[in-house]
N, C-alpha and C. Protein backbone atom coordinates (compact mmCIF):
# COMPACT_ATOMS: atom_id res chain seq x y z
N MET A 1 -41.27 72.99 241.82
CA MET A 1 -41.21 74.43 242.03
C MET A 1 -40.09 74.73 243.09
N ARG A 2 -39.18 75.57 242.74
CA ARG A 2 -38.26 76.19 243.63
C ARG A 2 -38.86 76.80 245.19
N ALA A 3 -38.37 76.40 246.26
CA ALA A 3 -38.64 77.01 247.39
C ALA A 3 -38.71 78.68 247.35
N SER A 4 -37.84 79.21 246.59
CA SER A 4 -37.51 80.74 246.60
C SER A 4 -38.67 81.26 245.77
N LEU A 5 -39.77 80.29 245.32
CA LEU A 5 -40.67 80.77 244.46
C LEU A 5 -41.99 80.75 244.95
N VAL A 6 -41.85 80.06 246.26
CA VAL A 6 -43.27 79.73 246.68
C VAL A 6 -43.18 80.39 248.42
N GLY A 7 -44.40 80.85 248.70
CA GLY A 7 -44.69 81.57 249.86
C GLY A 7 -45.19 83.12 249.55
N ALA A 8 -44.95 84.09 250.60
CA ALA A 8 -45.45 85.43 250.47
C ALA A 8 -44.92 86.19 249.31
N TYR A 9 -43.62 85.93 249.24
CA TYR A 9 -42.95 86.68 247.92
C TYR A 9 -42.89 86.02 246.89
N GLY A 10 -43.32 84.85 246.56
CA GLY A 10 -43.17 83.85 245.38
C GLY A 10 -43.65 84.58 244.34
N SER A 11 -44.88 85.06 244.49
CA SER A 11 -45.58 85.89 243.15
C SER A 11 -44.54 87.34 242.83
N ALA A 12 -44.42 87.99 243.60
CA ALA A 12 -43.40 89.07 243.26
C ALA A 12 -41.95 88.62 242.72
N ARG A 13 -41.33 87.47 243.33
CA ARG A 13 -40.04 86.98 242.53
C ARG A 13 -40.55 86.46 241.25
N ARG A 14 -41.57 85.93 240.92
CA ARG A 14 -41.83 85.58 239.63
C ARG A 14 -42.03 86.51 238.59
N ILE A 15 -42.93 87.80 239.23
CA ILE A 15 -43.26 88.53 238.32
C ILE A 15 -41.84 89.51 238.02
N GLY A 16 -40.98 89.53 238.99
CA GLY A 16 -39.61 90.39 239.06
C GLY A 16 -38.80 89.62 237.93
N ILE A 17 -38.49 88.27 238.03
CA ILE A 17 -38.09 87.52 236.84
C ILE A 17 -38.46 87.59 235.53
N MET A 18 -39.64 87.89 235.41
CA MET A 18 -40.54 88.10 234.18
C MET A 18 -40.10 89.53 233.57
N CYS A 19 -40.18 90.49 234.70
CA CYS A 19 -39.72 91.63 234.07
C CYS A 19 -38.28 92.07 233.53
N ALA A 20 -37.25 91.54 234.40
CA ALA A 20 -35.84 91.35 234.08
C ALA A 20 -36.02 90.69 232.68
N GLU A 21 -36.58 89.52 232.40
CA GLU A 21 -36.25 88.72 231.13
C GLU A 21 -37.08 89.45 229.90
N VAL A 22 -37.79 90.00 230.17
CA VAL A 22 -38.77 90.95 228.93
C VAL A 22 -37.84 92.20 228.61
N CYS A 23 -37.22 92.66 229.67
CA CYS A 23 -36.56 93.92 229.55
C CYS A 23 -35.41 93.70 228.73
N ASP A 24 -34.89 92.50 229.10
CA ASP A 24 -33.57 91.95 228.60
C ASP A 24 -33.88 91.64 226.98
N THR A 25 -34.96 91.08 226.66
CA THR A 25 -35.44 90.57 225.41
C THR A 25 -35.76 91.89 224.75
N THR A 26 -36.44 92.77 225.01
CA THR A 26 -36.80 94.01 224.43
C THR A 26 -35.49 94.98 224.02
N CYS A 27 -34.52 94.82 224.95
CA CYS A 27 -33.16 95.54 224.72
C CYS A 27 -32.39 95.03 223.33
N HIS A 28 -32.44 93.51 223.51
CA HIS A 28 -31.71 92.78 222.39
C HIS A 28 -32.70 93.34 221.04
N LEU A 29 -33.96 93.25 221.13
CA LEU A 29 -34.68 93.36 219.78
C LEU A 29 -34.46 94.69 219.45
N LEU A 30 -34.33 95.70 220.31
CA LEU A 30 -34.39 97.35 219.82
C LEU A 30 -32.87 97.50 219.62
N SER A 31 -31.88 96.89 219.99
CA SER A 31 -30.40 96.86 219.31
C SER A 31 -30.13 96.18 217.93
N GLU A 32 -31.15 95.23 217.83
CA GLU A 32 -30.74 94.45 216.66
C GLU A 32 -31.26 94.94 215.41
N ASP A 33 -32.91 95.66 215.68
CA ASP A 33 -33.40 96.15 214.50
C ASP A 33 -32.82 97.47 214.10
N GLY A 34 -32.08 97.62 213.02
CA GLY A 34 -31.63 98.74 212.34
C GLY A 34 -32.37 99.97 211.97
N SER A 35 -33.71 99.60 211.82
CA SER A 35 -34.65 100.71 211.29
C SER A 35 -36.03 100.07 211.51
N VAL A 36 -36.99 101.41 211.78
CA VAL A 36 -38.49 101.13 211.92
C VAL A 36 -39.13 101.30 210.75
N GLU A 37 -38.46 101.41 209.44
CA GLU A 37 -39.15 101.46 208.19
C GLU A 37 -39.57 100.45 207.20
N VAL A 38 -38.90 99.30 207.89
CA VAL A 38 -39.22 98.00 206.95
C VAL A 38 -40.83 97.64 207.51
N ASP A 39 -41.43 97.19 206.47
CA ASP A 39 -42.88 96.80 206.68
C ASP A 39 -43.16 95.69 207.84
N GLY A 40 -43.97 96.23 208.85
CA GLY A 40 -44.30 95.37 210.06
C GLY A 40 -43.29 95.86 211.19
N THR A 41 -41.79 96.22 211.03
CA THR A 41 -41.03 96.20 212.11
C THR A 41 -41.59 97.36 213.10
N GLU A 42 -42.13 98.40 212.72
CA GLU A 42 -42.39 99.28 213.77
C GLU A 42 -43.50 98.92 214.49
N THR A 43 -44.52 98.16 213.94
CA THR A 43 -45.71 97.24 214.44
C THR A 43 -45.19 96.45 215.70
N ARG A 44 -44.04 95.72 215.16
CA ARG A 44 -43.59 94.70 215.94
C ARG A 44 -42.79 95.20 217.31
N ILE A 45 -42.22 96.07 217.15
CA ILE A 45 -41.50 97.18 218.00
C ILE A 45 -42.44 97.65 219.13
N ARG A 46 -43.59 98.09 218.62
CA ARG A 46 -44.77 98.78 219.32
C ARG A 46 -44.94 97.80 220.37
N LEU A 47 -45.43 96.68 219.71
CA LEU A 47 -46.11 95.53 220.42
C LEU A 47 -45.18 95.05 221.73
N GLN A 48 -43.90 94.92 221.44
CA GLN A 48 -42.92 94.47 222.01
C GLN A 48 -42.58 95.48 223.27
N LEU A 49 -42.82 96.69 223.01
CA LEU A 49 -42.55 97.56 224.01
C LEU A 49 -43.78 97.82 224.95
N GLU A 50 -45.04 97.74 224.39
CA GLU A 50 -46.18 97.45 225.12
C GLU A 50 -46.03 96.51 226.03
N TRP A 51 -45.94 95.27 225.52
CA TRP A 51 -45.76 93.97 226.43
C TRP A 51 -44.76 94.38 227.51
N CYS A 52 -43.58 94.61 227.15
CA CYS A 52 -42.55 95.09 228.13
C CYS A 52 -43.22 96.02 229.14
N ARG A 53 -43.60 97.13 228.73
CA ARG A 53 -44.15 98.15 229.68
C ARG A 53 -45.29 97.38 230.56
N SER A 54 -46.23 96.71 230.27
CA SER A 54 -47.23 96.27 231.11
C SER A 54 -46.77 95.07 232.17
N VAL A 55 -45.72 94.44 231.42
CA VAL A 55 -45.15 93.37 232.62
C VAL A 55 -44.35 93.89 233.88
N CYS A 56 -43.66 95.02 233.31
CA CYS A 56 -43.13 96.08 234.35
C CYS A 56 -44.18 96.89 235.07
N VAL A 57 -44.97 97.23 234.82
CA VAL A 57 -46.02 97.61 235.59
C VAL A 57 -46.60 96.93 236.40
N GLU A 58 -46.79 95.87 236.17
CA GLU A 58 -47.25 94.64 237.14
C GLU A 58 -46.12 94.47 238.26
N GLY A 59 -44.72 94.19 237.65
CA GLY A 59 -43.90 94.30 238.65
C GLY A 59 -44.01 95.35 239.79
N VAL A 60 -44.03 96.65 239.39
CA VAL A 60 -43.79 97.90 240.21
C VAL A 60 -45.08 97.52 241.47
N HIS A 61 -46.31 96.97 240.80
CA HIS A 61 -47.28 96.90 241.72
C HIS A 61 -47.11 95.63 242.68
N ALA A 62 -46.40 94.70 242.17
CA ALA A 62 -46.31 93.33 242.90
C ALA A 62 -45.13 93.72 244.04
N PHE A 63 -44.08 94.66 243.61
CA PHE A 63 -42.92 95.08 244.74
C PHE A 63 -43.45 96.27 245.54
N GLU A 64 -44.26 97.03 245.18
CA GLU A 64 -44.63 98.21 245.94
C GLU A 64 -45.11 97.63 247.43
N GLY A 65 -44.80 98.24 248.53
CA GLY A 65 -45.02 97.50 249.81
C GLY A 65 -44.44 96.48 250.40
N LEU A 66 -43.65 95.87 249.65
CA LEU A 66 -42.72 94.43 250.26
C LEU A 66 -41.44 95.42 250.71
N THR A 67 -41.04 94.84 252.10
CA THR A 67 -39.94 95.22 252.57
C THR A 67 -38.65 94.63 251.83
N GLY A 68 -37.86 95.46 251.52
CA GLY A 68 -36.49 95.14 250.66
C GLY A 68 -36.86 95.16 249.32
N ALA A 69 -37.94 95.48 248.75
CA ALA A 69 -38.01 95.42 247.38
C ALA A 69 -38.06 96.51 246.48
N GLU A 70 -37.61 97.86 247.24
CA GLU A 70 -37.55 99.04 246.77
C GLU A 70 -36.63 99.10 245.38
N ALA A 71 -35.58 98.57 245.47
CA ALA A 71 -34.72 98.52 244.35
C ALA A 71 -35.36 97.56 243.01
N ALA A 72 -36.02 96.62 243.32
CA ALA A 72 -36.79 95.98 242.42
C ALA A 72 -37.86 96.74 241.69
N ALA A 73 -38.73 97.37 242.54
CA ALA A 73 -39.99 98.39 242.03
C ALA A 73 -39.08 99.43 241.19
N THR A 74 -38.24 99.76 241.76
CA THR A 74 -37.59 101.06 241.17
C THR A 74 -36.92 100.72 239.51
N ALA A 75 -36.40 99.63 239.67
CA ALA A 75 -36.11 98.81 238.22
C ALA A 75 -37.14 98.59 237.12
N CYS A 76 -38.22 97.99 237.62
CA CYS A 76 -39.14 97.84 236.82
C CYS A 76 -39.86 99.03 236.56
N ARG A 77 -39.96 100.20 237.62
CA ARG A 77 -40.62 101.38 237.05
C ARG A 77 -39.96 102.09 235.94
N ARG A 78 -38.46 102.04 236.29
CA ARG A 78 -37.38 102.68 235.05
C ARG A 78 -37.65 101.97 233.51
N CYS A 79 -37.78 100.62 233.60
CA CYS A 79 -38.17 100.14 232.38
C CYS A 79 -39.21 100.41 231.88
N ALA A 80 -40.59 100.41 232.56
CA ALA A 80 -41.52 100.94 231.96
C ALA A 80 -41.90 102.25 231.49
N GLU A 81 -40.77 103.15 232.35
CA GLU A 81 -40.94 104.51 231.92
C GLU A 81 -39.99 104.59 230.38
N ALA A 82 -39.26 103.89 230.32
CA ALA A 82 -38.14 103.83 229.06
C ALA A 82 -39.08 103.20 227.98
N CYS A 83 -39.96 102.31 228.10
CA CYS A 83 -40.61 101.71 226.98
C CYS A 83 -41.74 102.59 226.51
N THR A 84 -42.31 103.66 227.45
CA THR A 84 -43.43 104.62 227.28
C THR A 84 -42.56 105.59 226.59
N ALA A 85 -41.44 106.23 226.93
CA ALA A 85 -40.80 107.13 226.10
C ALA A 85 -40.16 106.87 224.73
N PHE A 86 -39.84 105.41 224.42
CA PHE A 86 -39.65 105.09 223.23
C PHE A 86 -40.96 105.24 222.37
N MET A 87 -42.09 104.41 223.02
CA MET A 87 -43.15 104.62 222.02
C MET A 87 -43.50 105.94 221.63
N ALA A 88 -43.53 106.70 222.71
CA ALA A 88 -43.77 108.38 222.22
C ALA A 88 -42.67 108.63 221.11
N ALA A 89 -41.65 108.37 221.10
CA ALA A 89 -40.46 108.87 220.25
C ALA A 89 -40.85 108.34 218.68
N LEU A 90 -41.52 107.00 218.69
CA LEU A 90 -41.89 106.65 217.43
C LEU A 90 -43.02 107.69 216.72
N ASP A 91 -43.76 108.20 217.72
CA ASP A 91 -45.01 108.96 216.98
C ASP A 91 -44.39 110.06 216.11
């Protein structure tokens, strides 16, 4: 295990990396799906958005209160809010 992932900030760093990777993957998925009308596509998109939102909310909780982690908490929060807004737009 890398030393940067060990210690007081290790858990937050791991969660932050997950948040960034899940957000990136979700963006790619949404940009590649041309239509939500294909059977099962909307369900798959909703599942991806919910997963992304939950990982990002976890990231916000991990970063809140850590000195110097305000920008990371804000990025996770914005991604979670975007996922929530996208799911609402599907309704």
